[in-house]
Amino acid sequence: MEKTATYSLETTFVCKSYAFQELAMLYCPDCAPETASKTLSKWIRETRGLRAALEECGWKPRQKLLSPKMVGCMAHYLGEP
């Protein structure tokens, strides 16, 4: 009898500290890192309420490291990557 393995393509998103570019790559996995970062920055500017919510969490433009609270805020507004 042959054994077969079943693999799930679903991954669980973990709300933890991420480098900005690392999180951007989760949202835009088919993009180059620089393009993914620019895209995430654009979404922060254009998504109503997201920038203000991030600033309440202590976020500043060009910030390289995002706290779990900031990541959770992005997931709330943008959906999980």
PDB file of N, CA and C in Angstrom:
ATOM      1  N   MET A   1       0.841  -1.176   0.000  1.00  0.00           N
ATOM      2  CA  MET A   1       0.000   0.000   0.000  1.00  0.00           C
ATOM      3  C   MET A   1       0.893   1.249   0.000  1.00  0.00           C
ATOM      4  N   GLU A   2       0.600   2.172  -0.889  1.00  0.00           N
ATOM      5  CA  GLU A   2       1.398   3.383  -1.035  1.00  0.00           C
ATOM      6  C   GLU A   2       0.881   4.485  -0.117  1.00  0.00           C
ATOM      7  N   LYS A   3       1.788   5.135   0.567  1.00  0.00           N
ATOM      8  CA  LYS A   3       1.406   6.247   1.438  1.00  0.00           C
ATOM      9  C   LYS A   3       1.417   7.539   0.637  1.00  0.00           C
ATOM     10  N   THR A   4       0.447   8.376   0.886  1.00  0.00           N
ATOM     11  CA  THR A   4       0.418   9.688   0.242  1.00  0.00           C
ATOM     12  C   THR A   4       0.397  10.755   1.323  1.00  0.00           C
ATOM     13  N   ALA A   5       0.993  11.851   1.010  1.00  0.00           N
ATOM     14  CA  ALA A   5       1.022  12.971   1.953  1.00  0.00           C
ATOM     15  C   ALA A   5       0.078  14.051   1.458  1.00  0.00           C
ATOM     16  N   THR A   6      -0.603  14.654   2.371  1.00  0.00           N
ATOM     17  CA  THR A   6      -1.484  15.758   2.034  1.00  0.00           C
ATOM     18  C   THR A   6      -0.853  17.034   2.572  1.00  0.00           C
ATOM     19  N   TYR A   7      -0.748  18.014   1.709  1.00  0.00           N
ATOM     20  CA  TYR A   7      -0.154  19.285   2.101  1.00  0.00           C
ATOM     21  C   TYR A   7      -1.198  20.379   1.995  1.00  0.00           C
ATOM     22  N   SER A   8      -1.199  21.234   2.949  1.00  0.00           N
ATOM     23  CA  SER A   8      -2.109  22.375   2.929  1.00  0.00           C
ATOM     24  C   SER A   8      -1.357  23.581   2.383  1.00  0.00           C
ATOM     25  N   LEU A   9      -1.976  24.276   1.446  1.00  0.00           N
ATOM     26  CA  LEU A   9      -1.363  25.486   0.911  1.00  0.00           C
ATOM     27  C   LEU A   9      -1.665  26.687   1.788  1.00  0.00           C
ATOM     28  N   GLU A  10      -2.591  26.533   2.712  1.00  0.00           N
ATOM     29  CA  GLU A  10      -2.926  27.625   3.617  1.00  0.00           C
ATOM     30  C   GLU A  10      -1.842  27.780   4.668  1.00  0.00           C
ATOM     31  N   THR A  11      -1.500  29.010   4.935  1.00  0.00           N
ATOM     32  CA  THR A  11      -0.577  29.286   6.025  1.00  0.00           C
ATOM     33  C   THR A  11      -1.288  30.203   7.008  1.00  0.00           C
ATOM     34  N   THR A  12      -0.879  30.139   8.232  1.00  0.00           N
ATOM     35  CA  THR A  12      -1.481  30.976   9.255  1.00  0.00           C
ATOM     36  C   THR A  12      -0.641  32.231   9.415  1.00  0.00           C
ATOM     37  N   PHE A  13      -1.294  33.376   9.333  1.00  0.00           N
ATOM     38  CA  PHE A  13      -0.594  34.648   9.505  1.00  0.00           C
ATOM     39  C   PHE A  13      -0.351  34.873  10.985  1.00  0.00           C
ATOM     40  N   VAL A  14       0.879  35.184  11.330  1.00  0.00           N
ATOM     41  CA  VAL A  14       1.256  35.445  12.714  1.00  0.00           C
ATOM     42  C   VAL A  14       1.443  36.950  12.882  1.00  0.00           C
ATOM     43  N   CYS A  15       0.715  37.506  13.829  1.00  0.00           N
ATOM     44  CA  CYS A  15       0.808  38.939  14.113  1.00  0.00           C
ATOM     45  C   CYS A  15       1.968  39.137  15.089  1.00  0.00           C
ATOM     46  N   LYS A  16       3.119  39.495  14.545  1.00  0.00           N
ATOM     47  CA  LYS A  16       4.344  39.685  15.323  1.00  0.00           C
ATOM     48  C   LYS A  16       5.068  40.891  14.757  1.00  0.00           C
ATOM     49  N   SER A  17       6.229  41.217  15.274  1.00  0.00           N
ATOM     50  CA  SER A  17       7.030  42.296  14.700  1.00  0.00           C
ATOM     51  C   SER A  17       7.547  41.862  13.336  1.00  0.00           C
ATOM     52  N   TYR A  18       7.450  42.760  12.370  1.00  0.00           N
ATOM     53  CA  TYR A  18       7.958  42.507  11.026  1.00  0.00           C
ATOM     54  C   TYR A  18       8.763  43.712  10.576  1.00  0.00           C
ATOM     55  N   ALA A  19       9.778  43.469   9.772  1.00  0.00           N
ATOM     56  CA  ALA A  19      10.416  44.560   9.043  1.00  0.00           C
ATOM     57  C   ALA A  19       9.395  45.012   8.004  1.00  0.00           C
ATOM     58  N   PHE A  20       9.373  46.296   7.694  1.00  0.00           N
ATOM     59  CA  PHE A  20       8.390  46.830   6.753  1.00  0.00           C
ATOM     60  C   PHE A  20       8.438  46.066   5.435  1.00  0.00           C
ATOM     61  N   GLN A  21       9.639  45.861   4.904  1.00  0.00           N
ATOM     62  CA  GLN A  21       9.778  45.176   3.622  1.00  0.00           C
ATOM     63  C   GLN A  21       9.338  43.714   3.713  1.00  0.00           C
ATOM     64  N   GLU A  22       9.584  43.077   4.845  1.00  0.00           N
ATOM     65  CA  GLU A  22       9.161  41.691   5.049  1.00  0.00           C
ATOM     66  C   GLU A  22       7.635  41.588   4.985  1.00  0.00           C
ATOM     67  N   LEU A  23       6.942  42.501   5.657  1.00  0.00           N
ATOM     68  CA  LEU A  23       5.482  42.499   5.620  1.00  0.00           C
ATOM     69  C   LEU A  23       4.984  42.834   4.217  1.00  0.00           C
ATOM     70  N   ALA A  24       5.640  43.786   3.572  1.00  0.00           N
ATOM     71  CA  ALA A  24       5.255  44.152   2.205  1.00  0.00           C
ATOM     72  C   ALA A  24       5.351  42.947   1.276  1.00  0.00           C
ATOM     73  N   MET A  25       6.379  42.128   1.452  1.00  0.00           N
ATOM     74  CA  MET A  25       6.544  40.934   0.616  1.00  0.00           C
ATOM     75  C   MET A  25       5.454  39.899   0.886  1.00  0.00           C
ATOM     76  N   LEU A  26       4.916  39.876   2.098  1.00  0.00           N
ATOM     77  CA  LEU A  26       3.796  38.972   2.380  1.00  0.00           C
ATOM     78  C   LEU A  26       2.541  39.430   1.643  1.00  0.00           C
ATOM     79  N   TYR A  27       2.354  40.740   1.553  1.00  0.00           N
ATOM     80  CA  TYR A  27       1.196  41.281   0.840  1.00  0.00           C
ATOM     81  C   TYR A  27       1.371  41.216  -0.679  1.00  0.00           C
ATOM     82  N   CYS A  28       2.591  41.314  -1.146  1.00  0.00           N
ATOM     83  CA  CYS A  28       2.872  41.335  -2.598  1.00  0.00           C
ATOM     84  C   CYS A  28       3.966  40.310  -2.917  1.00  0.00           C
ATOM     85  N   PRO A  29       3.674  39.027  -2.781  1.00  0.00           N
ATOM     86  CA  PRO A  29       4.722  38.006  -2.915  1.00  0.00           C
ATOM     87  C   PRO A  29       5.336  37.894  -4.309  1.00  0.00           C
ATOM     88  N   ASP A  30       4.644  38.350  -5.329  1.00  0.00           N
ATOM     89  CA  ASP A  30       5.170  38.237  -6.692  1.00  0.00           C
ATOM     90  C   ASP A  30       5.944  39.475  -7.136  1.00  0.00           C
ATOM     91  N   CYS A  31       6.098  40.437  -6.241  1.00  0.00           N
ATOM     92  CA  CYS A  31       6.795  41.691  -6.570  1.00  0.00           C
ATOM     93  C   CYS A  31       8.232  41.646  -6.063  1.00  0.00           C
ATOM     94  N   ALA A  32       9.058  42.484  -6.664  1.00  0.00           N
ATOM     95  CA  ALA A  32      10.404  42.700  -6.138  1.00  0.00           C
ATOM     96  C   ALA A  32      10.263  43.404  -4.788  1.00  0.00           C
ATOM     97  N   PRO A  33      11.203  43.214  -3.870  1.00  0.00           N
ATOM     98  CA  PRO A  33      11.080  43.823  -2.539  1.00  0.00           C
ATOM     99  C   PRO A  33      10.830  45.333  -2.560  1.00  0.00           C
ATOM    100  N   GLU A  34      11.530  46.060  -3.410  1.00  0.00           N
ATOM    101  CA  GLU A  34      11.345  47.515  -3.469  1.00  0.00           C
ATOM    102  C   GLU A  34       9.936  47.868  -3.950  1.00  0.00           C
ATOM    103  N   THR A  35       9.451  47.139  -4.937  1.00  0.00           N
ATOM    104  CA  THR A  35       8.103  47.375  -5.460  1.00  0.00           C
ATOM    105  C   THR A  35       7.053  47.044  -4.407  1.00  0.00           C
ATOM    106  N   ALA A  36       7.256  45.954  -3.673  1.00  0.00           N
ATOM    107  CA  ALA A  36       6.318  45.567  -2.618  1.00  0.00           C
ATOM    108  C   ALA A  36       6.251  46.653  -1.544  1.00  0.00           C
ATOM    109  N   SER A  37       7.401  47.199  -1.158  1.00  0.00           N
ATOM    110  CA  SER A  37       7.430  48.261  -0.148  1.00  0.00           C
ATOM    111  C   SER A  37       6.717  49.513  -0.637  1.00  0.00           C
ATOM    112  N   LYS A  38       6.942  49.877  -1.895  1.00  0.00           N
ATOM    113  CA  LYS A  38       6.266  51.048  -2.457  1.00  0.00           C
ATOM    114  C   LYS A  38       4.757  50.832  -2.510  1.00  0.00           C
ATOM    115  N   THR A  39       4.352  49.612  -2.843  1.00  0.00           N
ATOM    116  CA  THR A  39       2.924  49.297  -2.909  1.00  0.00           C
ATOM    117  C   THR A  39       2.289  49.396  -1.529  1.00  0.00           C
ATOM    118  N   LEU A  40       2.943  48.830  -0.511  1.00  0.00           N
ATOM    119  CA  LEU A  40       2.399  48.898   0.845  1.00  0.00           C
ATOM    120  C   LEU A  40       2.341  50.352   1.323  1.00  0.00           C
ATOM    121  N   SER A  41       3.349  51.134   1.016  1.00  0.00           N
ATOM    122  CA  SER A  41       3.335  52.561   1.379  1.00  0.00           C
ATOM    123  C   SER A  41       2.162  53.276   0.715  1.00  0.00           C
ATOM    124  N   LYS A  42       1.911  52.947  -0.538  1.00  0.00           N
ATOM    125  CA  LYS A  42       0.788  53.550  -1.261  1.00  0.00           C
ATOM    126  C   LYS A  42      -0.529  53.174  -0.602  1.00  0.00           C
ATOM    127  N   TRP A  43      -0.675  51.913  -0.215  1.00  0.00           N
ATOM    128  CA  TRP A  43      -1.910  51.470   0.443  1.00  0.00           C
ATOM    129  C   TRP A  43      -2.106  52.191   1.765  1.00  0.00           C
ATOM    130  N   ILE A  44      -1.018  52.431   2.501  1.00  0.00           N
ATOM    131  CA  ILE A  44      -1.116  53.159   3.773  1.00  0.00           C
ATOM    132  C   ILE A  44      -1.639  54.572   3.516  1.00  0.00           C
ATOM    133  N   ARG A  45      -1.148  55.213   2.464  1.00  0.00           N
ATOM    134  CA  ARG A  45      -1.600  56.569   2.131  1.00  0.00           C
ATOM    135  C   ARG A  45      -3.049  56.589   1.657  1.00  0.00           C
ATOM    136  N   GLU A  46      -3.456  55.584   0.898  1.00  0.00           N
ATOM    137  CA  GLU A  46      -4.749  55.627   0.212  1.00  0.00           C
ATOM    138  C   GLU A  46      -5.898  54.924   0.932  1.00  0.00           C
ATOM    139  N   THR A  47      -5.610  54.104   1.919  1.00  0.00           N
ATOM    140  CA  THR A  47      -6.669  53.388   2.630  1.00  0.00           C
ATOM    141  C   THR A  47      -7.206  54.277   3.742  1.00  0.00           C
ATOM    142  N   ARG A  48      -8.467  54.650   3.610  1.00  0.00           N
ATOM    143  CA  ARG A  48      -9.097  55.575   4.559  1.00  0.00           C
ATOM    144  C   ARG A  48      -8.965  55.054   5.994  1.00  0.00           C
ATOM    145  N   GLY A  49      -8.389  55.880   6.856  1.00  0.00           N
ATOM    146  CA  GLY A  49      -8.278  55.572   8.274  1.00  0.00           C
ATOM    147  C   GLY A  49      -7.041  54.794   8.673  1.00  0.00           C
ATOM    148  N   LEU A  50      -6.374  54.149   7.716  1.00  0.00           N
ATOM    149  CA  LEU A  50      -5.230  53.304   8.068  1.00  0.00           C
ATOM    150  C   LEU A  50      -4.066  54.124   8.610  1.00  0.00           C
ATOM    151  N   ARG A  51      -3.698  55.180   7.927  1.00  0.00           N
ATOM    152  CA  ARG A  51      -2.553  55.984   8.379  1.00  0.00           C
ATOM    153  C   ARG A  51      -2.793  56.545   9.778  1.00  0.00           C
ATOM    154  N   ALA A  52      -3.982  57.077  10.023  1.00  0.00           N
ATOM    155  CA  ALA A  52      -4.294  57.633  11.349  1.00  0.00           C
ATOM    156  C   ALA A  52      -4.234  56.545  12.418  1.00  0.00           C
ATOM    157  N   ALA A  53      -4.753  55.364  12.103  1.00  0.00           N
ATOM    158  CA  ALA A  53      -4.725  54.256  13.068  1.00  0.00           C
ATOM    159  C   ALA A  53      -3.289  53.827  13.351  1.00  0.00           C
ATOM    160  N   LEU A  54      -2.452  53.785  12.316  1.00  0.00           N
ATOM    161  CA  LEU A  54      -1.045  53.425  12.515  1.00  0.00           C
ATOM    162  C   LEU A  54      -0.328  54.472  13.368  1.00  0.00           C
ATOM    163  N   GLU A  55      -0.612  55.746  13.105  1.00  0.00           N
ATOM    164  CA  GLU A  55       0.017  56.814  13.892  1.00  0.00           C
ATOM    165  C   GLU A  55      -0.388  56.729  15.360  1.00  0.00           C
ATOM    166  N   GLU A  56      -1.617  56.305  15.631  1.00  0.00           N
ATOM    167  CA  GLU A  56      -2.051  56.105  17.026  1.00  0.00           C
ATOM    168  C   GLU A  56      -1.257  54.989  17.694  1.00  0.00           C
ATOM    169  N   CYS A  57      -0.751  54.055  16.890  1.00  0.00           N
ATOM    170  CA  CYS A  57       0.067  52.950  17.410  1.00  0.00           C
ATOM    171  C   CYS A  57       1.538  53.339  17.526  1.00  0.00           C
ATOM    172  N   GLY A  58       1.879  54.590  17.131  1.00  0.00           N
ATOM    173  CA  GLY A  58       3.255  55.052  17.221  1.00  0.00           C
ATOM    174  C   GLY A  58       4.035  54.976  15.922  1.00  0.00           C
ATOM    175  N   TRP A  59       3.368  54.648  14.836  1.00  0.00           N
ATOM    176  CA  TRP A  59       4.030  54.529  13.532  1.00  0.00           C
ATOM    177  C   TRP A  59       4.454  55.887  12.992  1.00  0.00           C
ATOM    178  N   LYS A  60       5.613  55.908  12.338  1.00  0.00           N
ATOM    179  CA  LYS A  60       6.124  57.094  11.647  1.00  0.00           C
ATOM    180  C   LYS A  60       6.455  56.690  10.208  1.00  0.00           C
ATOM    181  N   PRO A  61       6.278  57.610   9.243  1.00  0.00           N
ATOM    182  CA  PRO A  61       6.663  57.294   7.867  1.00  0.00           C
ATOM    183  C   PRO A  61       8.133  56.863   7.790  1.00  0.00           C
ATOM    184  N   ARG A  62       8.411  55.944   6.910  1.00  0.00           N
ATOM    185  CA  ARG A  62       9.753  55.384   6.684  1.00  0.00           C
ATOM    186  C   ARG A  62      10.250  54.520   7.840  1.00  0.00           C
ATOM    187  N   GLN A  63       9.366  54.153   8.746  1.00  0.00           N
ATOM    188  CA  GLN A  63       9.742  53.280   9.856  1.00  0.00           C
ATOM    189  C   GLN A  63      10.082  51.899   9.312  1.00  0.00           C
ATOM    190  N   LYS A  64      11.188  51.338   9.767  1.00  0.00           N
ATOM    191  CA  LYS A  64      11.668  50.053   9.248  1.00  0.00           C
ATOM    192  C   LYS A  64      11.103  48.848   9.994  1.00  0.00           C
ATOM    193  N   LEU A  65      10.840  48.998  11.293  1.00  0.00           N
ATOM    194  CA  LEU A  65      10.344  47.881  12.091  1.00  0.00           C
ATOM    195  C   LEU A  65       8.932  48.186  12.572  1.00  0.00           C
ATOM    196  N   LEU A  66       8.039  47.240  12.361  1.00  0.00           N
ATOM    197  CA  LEU A  66       6.638  47.407  12.745  1.00  0.00           C
ATOM    198  C   LEU A  66       6.337  46.535  13.956  1.00  0.00           C
ATOM    199  N   SER A  67       5.682  47.106  14.944  1.00  0.00           N
ATOM    200  CA  SER A  67       5.311  46.359  16.147  1.00  0.00           C
ATOM    201  C   SER A  67       4.143  45.424  15.830  1.00  0.00           C
ATOM    202  N   PRO A  68       3.910  44.426  16.683  1.00  0.00           N
ATOM    203  CA  PRO A  68       2.750  43.556  16.468  1.00  0.00           C
ATOM    204  C   PRO A  68       1.439  44.341  16.408  1.00  0.00           C
ATOM    205  N   LYS A  69       1.337  45.405  17.196  1.00  0.00           N
ATOM    206  CA  LYS A  69       0.123  46.225  17.187  1.00  0.00           C
ATOM    207  C   LYS A  69      -0.066  46.905  15.827  1.00  0.00           C
ATOM    208  N   MET A  70       1.010  47.411  15.246  1.00  0.00           N
ATOM    209  CA  MET A  70       0.945  48.041  13.923  1.00  0.00           C
ATOM    210  C   MET A  70       0.586  47.021  12.846  1.00  0.00           C
ATOM    211  N   VAL A  71       1.176  45.845  12.947  1.00  0.00           N
ATOM    212  CA  VAL A  71       0.892  44.774  11.982  1.00  0.00           C
ATOM    213  C   VAL A  71      -0.576  44.367  12.081  1.00  0.00           C
ATOM    214  N   GLY A  72      -1.087  44.262  13.307  1.00  0.00           N
ATOM    215  CA  GLY A  72      -2.499  43.933  13.502  1.00  0.00           C
ATOM    216  C   GLY A  72      -3.409  44.996  12.922  1.00  0.00           C
ATOM    217  N   CYS A  73      -3.001  46.243  13.058  1.00  0.00           N
ATOM    218  CA  CYS A  73      -3.762  47.363  12.500  1.00  0.00           C
ATOM    219  C   CYS A  73      -3.818  47.242  10.977  1.00  0.00           C
ATOM    220  N   MET A  74      -2.684  46.951  10.353  1.00  0.00           N
ATOM    221  CA  MET A  74      -2.667  46.786   8.894  1.00  0.00           C
ATOM    222  C   MET A  74      -3.540  45.617   8.466  1.00  0.00           C
ATOM    223  N   ALA A  75      -3.462  44.518   9.204  1.00  0.00           N
ATOM    224  CA  ALA A  75      -4.283  43.353   8.867  1.00  0.00           C
ATOM    225  C   ALA A  75      -5.769  43.680   9.002  1.00  0.00           C
ATOM    226  N   HIS A  76      -6.113  44.523   9.961  1.00  0.00           N
ATOM    227  CA  HIS A  76      -7.508  44.924  10.141  1.00  0.00           C
ATOM    228  C   HIS A  76      -8.009  45.705   8.927  1.00  0.00           C
ATOM    229  N   TYR A  77      -7.210  46.649   8.452  1.00  0.00           N
ATOM    230  CA  TYR A  77      -7.625  47.505   7.337  1.00  0.00           C
ATOM    231  C   TYR A  77      -7.428  46.855   5.969  1.00  0.00           C
ATOM    232  N   LEU A  78      -6.363  46.072   5.810  1.00  0.00           N
ATOM    233  CA  LEU A  78      -6.029  45.512   4.499  1.00  0.00           C
ATOM    234  C   LEU A  78      -6.398  44.038   4.357  1.00  0.00           C
ATOM    235  N   GLY A  79      -6.747  43.416   5.478  1.00  0.00           N
ATOM    236  CA  GLY A  79      -6.938  41.968   5.468  1.00  0.00           C
ATOM    237  C   GLY A  79      -5.588  41.306   5.715  1.00  0.00           C
ATOM    238  N   GLU A  80      -5.617  40.042   6.075  1.00  0.00           N
ATOM    239  CA  GLU A  80      -4.361  39.330   6.300  1.00  0.00           C
ATOM    240  C   GLU A  80      -3.674  39.081   4.968  1.00  0.00           C
ATOM    241  N   PRO A  81      -2.349  39.145   4.971  1.00  0.00           N
ATOM    242  CA  PRO A  81      -1.634  38.892   3.706  1.00  0.00           C
ATOM    243  C   PRO A  81      -1.778  37.439   3.267  1.00  0.00           C
TER     244      PRO A  81
END
